Structures are given as C-alpha cells and as structure tokens.
C-alpha cells in the first residue's frame, strides 16, 4: 500500500507520479509533494545532527547547521507534524545555545519545542529540551530554577529507559552542586552517574564524569 509509512518515500513518490502521468490522477501530485517534504524534513534534521556532532568535536561554527534545522522545522510545520517540528526546534535552539553561545536567541525555540514535545508525548525530545532550558537558567545564574528542569530531564529519561541520558543528567546535577560548593551532595550523584554510564557503555560520559571528579 502506497500510504504505508514503512514504504520508501521516494518509491511512494514514484508510484504517485505514475498515477498522475499514466492514470490521470493528478491529485496524487499533491500527495507526492507532502511525501517528499516529509523526507526532506527528516533528511535536514539528520544532516543537522551529524553536523552538530562534528562541529562539537572540531569546536567551530558552521551556519549550515542552523539553516538545516530551520528548514526541517519549517517543513514539519507545513506538514502539521508537531513532533517533528518540536525536535527540529530543539536542535535549532541547541545550535544557538551550544555553538553560538547565544541563550537569548535559543530560548524561543527551546520554549516552543517544549510545548510541542509535551503535546506530542515525545518524552525523549522533552528530556533534551528541559535539560537545555536548565542550562540556560544556569548560564543566567539562576541555579534554583535550573535544578528542577535538570531533575525533570533525568526523570523522563528513567521512564523511557534512556540510560546514557540518565548518566548525563546525573552528571549535570552533580556539576550544579559542585558549582554551588555542595560537594557532599555531588559525590553520590557522580557515583550513580558512573555506574549508569558503565552499564550503558557510555565511555564518553564516563570521561566527563572523571573530569567532574577533579572539581571535588
């Protein structure tokens, strides 16, 4: 069946083209446009994420990353895909927050992503969004507002069994305690983060945890 979500979108578009070209069903062209818009949105989102990971390693900014996430968000919005739009807006906000060090520009995208992810029941994206909203509060010096957001992120990740994310979330909470000078509270969080990261095979997170221990 052409409408089956498991069918390759380009194959769907080809079949829809043939329906119009040879069958006279020109309404199929509008459906094909939507199929290809969905494929383009997913591709832009995926390319943006890969570029983000590469740029973090190389520590440089490439405006193409932001443009990819903007394109994905726009296409998902046109398609009425709130879940996809929420994920794309999260990444757009993260680009401005992490790569451009611009929380002011990032916040509207992150806040809107929070609304969309919550409405769509997308707990994974929501766990990322509230985490980064917590980082924004930390950057603003409001640790009291940051902590509940970071705790919410950990709770969501526990619920869905996202162990690498749980470890990273516990690390963020420990770093907040270290920043506040509460090392006694930070130590058990780091211990739990290390245990969860080891169980999940998250070697990168384990290295970050060991770096954080140097601040104790």
Protein backbone atom coordinates (compact mmCIF):
# COMPACT_ATOMS: atom_id res chain seq x y z
CA UNK A 1 0.00 0.00 0.00
CA UNK A 2 1.41 3.38 -1.03
CA UNK A 3 0.33 5.13 2.18
CA UNK A 4 2.23 2.67 4.35
CA UNK A 5 4.75 4.60 6.46
CA UNK A 6 7.27 1.78 6.02
CA UNK A 7 7.45 2.27 2.26
CA UNK A 8 10.46 4.20 0.98
CA UNK A 9 9.30 7.81 0.40
CA UNK A 10 11.00 8.03 -2.98
CA UNK A 11 9.29 4.83 -4.09
CA UNK A 12 5.99 6.29 -2.89
CA UNK A 13 6.68 9.46 -4.88
CA UNK A 14 7.48 7.40 -7.98
CA UNK A 15 4.22 5.45 -7.71
CA UNK A 16 2.26 8.67 -7.17
CA UNK A 17 3.95 10.21 -10.21
CA UNK A 18 2.89 7.22 -12.32
CA UNK A 19 -0.66 7.52 -11.06
CA UNK A 20 -0.73 11.10 -12.29
CA UNK A 21 1.24 10.58 -15.51
CA UNK A 22 -0.39 7.40 -16.72
CA UNK A 23 -3.58 7.18 -14.71
CA UNK A 24 -4.70 10.78 -14.87
CA UNK A 25 -4.91 11.01 -11.07
CA UNK A 26 -3.40 14.47 -10.72
CA UNK A 27 -4.44 14.74 -7.08
CA UNK A 28 -1.60 12.29 -6.46
CA UNK A 29 0.89 15.08 -7.18
CA UNK A 30 -0.10 16.99 -4.04
CA UNK A 31 0.31 13.81 -2.00
CA UNK A 32 3.74 13.27 -3.58
CA UNK A 33 4.74 16.80 -2.59
CA UNK A 34 3.90 16.04 1.03
CA UNK A 35 5.74 12.72 0.94
CA UNK A 36 8.88 14.41 -0.39
CA UNK A 37 8.56 17.34 2.02
CA UNK A 38 8.50 14.83 4.86
CA UNK A 39 11.57 13.08 3.50
CA UNK A 40 13.38 16.41 3.06
CA UNK A 41 12.49 17.47 6.62
CA UNK A 42 13.83 14.23 8.07
CA UNK A 43 16.99 14.45 5.97
CA UNK A 44 17.64 18.06 7.01
CA UNK A 45 17.17 17.14 10.66
CA UNK A 46 19.51 14.16 10.35
CA UNK A 47 22.18 16.13 8.50
CA UNK A 48 21.97 18.90 11.07
CA UNK A 49 22.51 16.47 13.94
CA UNK A 50 25.54 14.92 12.24
CA UNK A 51 26.97 18.36 11.54
CA UNK A 52 26.38 19.33 15.19
CA UNK A 53 28.36 16.34 16.46
CA UNK A 54 31.18 17.06 14.02
CA UNK A 55 31.33 20.75 14.90
CA UNK A 56 31.42 19.99 18.64
CA UNK A 57 34.48 17.85 18.05
CA UNK A 58 36.15 20.47 15.87
CA UNK A 59 34.99 23.40 18.02
CA UNK A 60 33.93 25.63 15.18
CA UNK A 61 30.71 27.16 13.87
CA UNK A 62 29.12 26.34 10.52
CA UNK A 63 25.93 28.35 9.79
CA UNK A 64 24.73 25.45 7.64
CA UNK A 65 23.79 23.65 10.86
CA UNK A 66 21.29 26.29 11.89
CA UNK A 67 19.92 26.54 8.34
CA UNK A 68 19.29 22.78 8.24
CA UNK A 69 17.32 22.85 11.49
CA UNK A 70 15.34 25.90 10.36
CA UNK A 71 14.44 24.13 7.11
CA UNK A 72 13.40 20.99 8.96
CA UNK A 73 11.25 22.94 11.41
CA UNK A 74 9.57 24.86 8.58
CA UNK A 75 8.76 21.72 6.60
CA UNK A 76 7.46 19.82 9.62
CA UNK A 77 5.30 22.84 10.49
CA UNK A 78 3.82 22.92 6.98
CA UNK A 79 3.10 19.20 7.24
CA UNK A 80 1.37 19.60 10.60
CA UNK A 81 3.92 17.28 12.21
CA UNK A 82 4.17 18.73 15.73
CA UNK A 83 6.51 16.01 16.93
CA UNK A 84 8.97 16.59 14.10
CA UNK A 85 8.74 20.37 14.45
CA UNK A 86 9.40 20.14 18.17
CA UNK A 87 12.51 18.03 17.63
CA UNK A 88 13.82 20.36 14.92
CA UNK A 89 13.22 23.43 17.08
CA UNK A 90 15.04 21.80 19.97
CA UNK A 91 18.07 21.30 17.75
CA UNK A 92 17.82 24.84 16.40
CA UNK A 93 17.79 26.17 19.96
CA UNK A 94 20.70 23.92 20.86
CA UNK A 95 22.68 25.21 17.90
CA UNK A 96 22.33 28.79 19.15
CA UNK A 97 22.91 27.85 22.78
CA UNK A 98 25.87 25.50 22.39
CA UNK A 99 27.56 26.52 19.16
CA UNK A 100 26.80 30.24 19.08
CA UNK A 101 26.72 30.73 22.88
CA UNK A 102 23.52 32.77 22.45
CA UNK A 103 20.89 31.77 25.01
CA UNK A 104 18.72 34.77 24.21
CA UNK A 105 18.22 33.60 20.63
CA UNK A 106 17.96 29.95 21.69
CA UNK A 107 15.20 30.35 24.28
CA UNK A 108 12.18 30.96 21.99
CA UNK A 109 12.97 27.81 20.00
CA UNK A 110 13.53 25.78 23.16
CA UNK A 111 10.33 27.03 24.81
CA UNK A 112 8.27 26.26 21.70
CA UNK A 113 9.96 22.86 21.40
CA UNK A 114 8.91 22.14 24.97
CA UNK A 115 5.27 22.87 24.15
CA UNK A 116 5.29 20.75 21.02
CA UNK A 117 7.14 17.79 22.51
CA UNK A 118 4.86 17.74 25.55
CA UNK A 119 1.76 17.93 23.35
CA UNK A 120 3.03 15.12 21.11
CA UNK A 121 4.00 12.91 24.05
CA UNK A 122 7.62 12.88 22.85
CA UNK A 123 9.34 12.27 26.18
CA UNK A 124 12.79 11.79 24.69
CA UNK A 125 12.85 15.19 22.97
CA UNK A 126 11.21 16.73 26.03
CA UNK A 127 14.01 15.34 28.21
CA UNK A 128 16.54 17.10 26.00
CA UNK A 129 14.58 20.35 25.90
CA UNK A 130 14.16 20.74 29.66
CA UNK A 131 17.84 19.83 30.13
CA UNK A 132 18.90 22.66 27.86
CA UNK A 133 16.41 25.04 29.42
CA UNK A 134 18.13 24.15 32.69
CA UNK A 135 21.48 25.03 31.14
CA UNK A 136 20.05 28.39 30.09
CA UNK A 137 18.97 29.07 33.67
CA UNK A 138 22.44 28.07 34.90
CA UNK A 139 24.04 30.46 32.42
CA UNK A 140 21.77 33.20 33.77
CA UNK A 141 22.92 32.44 37.32
CA UNK A 142 19.54 31.08 38.41
CA UNK A 143 20.55 27.70 39.86
CA UNK A 144 17.27 27.47 41.79
CA UNK A 145 15.29 27.41 38.56
CA UNK A 146 17.83 25.19 36.79
CA UNK A 147 17.70 22.25 39.19
CA UNK A 148 14.02 21.27 38.74
CA UNK A 149 14.49 21.31 34.98
CA UNK A 150 17.57 19.08 35.15
CA UNK A 151 15.74 16.74 37.55
CA UNK A 152 12.76 16.57 35.20
CA UNK A 153 15.11 15.57 32.38
CA UNK A 154 16.54 12.71 34.46
CA UNK A 155 13.04 11.56 35.47
CA UNK A 156 11.86 11.46 31.86
CA UNK A 157 14.93 9.53 30.78
CA UNK A 158 14.49 6.98 33.56
CA UNK A 159 10.89 6.47 32.46
CA UNK A 160 11.85 5.63 28.89
CA UNK A 161 14.97 3.67 29.81
CA UNK A 162 17.42 6.04 28.15
CA UNK A 163 20.40 5.09 30.31
CA UNK A 164 23.15 7.12 28.59
CA UNK A 165 20.90 10.14 29.01
CA UNK A 166 20.26 9.34 32.68
CA UNK A 167 24.01 9.27 33.31
CA UNK A 168 24.49 12.60 31.54
CA UNK A 169 21.61 14.07 33.52
CA UNK A 170 23.02 12.94 36.84
CA UNK A 171 26.37 14.42 35.84
CA UNK A 172 24.71 17.77 35.11
CA UNK A 173 23.08 17.74 38.56
CA UNK A 174 26.42 16.91 40.18
CA UNK A 175 28.10 19.75 38.29
CA UNK A 176 25.41 22.10 39.55
CA UNK A 177 26.20 21.01 43.12
CA UNK A 178 29.94 21.43 42.55
CA UNK A 179 29.32 24.90 41.19
CA UNK A 180 27.31 25.68 44.34
CA UNK A 181 30.06 24.27 46.57
CA UNK A 182 27.94 21.31 47.76
CA UNK A 183 30.50 18.57 47.13
CA UNK A 184 28.93 16.14 49.62
CA UNK A 185 25.78 16.06 47.52
CA UNK A 186 27.72 15.89 44.26
CA UNK A 187 29.71 12.76 45.13
CA UNK A 188 26.83 10.24 45.25
CA UNK A 189 25.40 11.73 42.06
CA UNK A 190 28.72 11.21 40.32
CA UNK A 191 28.94 7.67 41.68
CA UNK A 192 25.48 6.84 40.36
CA UNK A 193 26.21 8.56 37.04
CA UNK A 194 29.38 6.48 36.65
CA UNK A 195 27.54 3.23 37.42
CA UNK A 196 24.75 4.01 34.94
CA UNK A 197 27.20 5.14 32.26
CA UNK A 198 29.27 1.97 32.70
CA UNK A 199 26.16 -0.20 32.40
CA UNK A 200 25.16 1.66 29.25
CA UNK A 201 28.64 1.53 27.71
CA UNK A 202 28.74 5.33 27.59
CA UNK A 203 32.51 5.75 27.59
CA UNK A 204 32.40 9.40 26.61
CA UNK A 205 30.16 10.21 29.57
CA UNK A 206 32.48 8.28 31.87
CA UNK A 207 35.33 10.53 30.77
CA UNK A 208 33.23 13.61 31.54
CA UNK A 209 32.40 12.18 34.97
CA UNK A 210 36.07 11.68 35.76
CA UNK A 211 36.75 15.26 34.73
CA UNK A 212 33.99 16.43 37.05
CA UNK A 213 35.51 14.47 39.96
CA UNK A 214 38.56 16.70 39.70
CA UNK A 215 36.39 19.53 40.97
CA UNK A 216 35.59 17.74 44.24
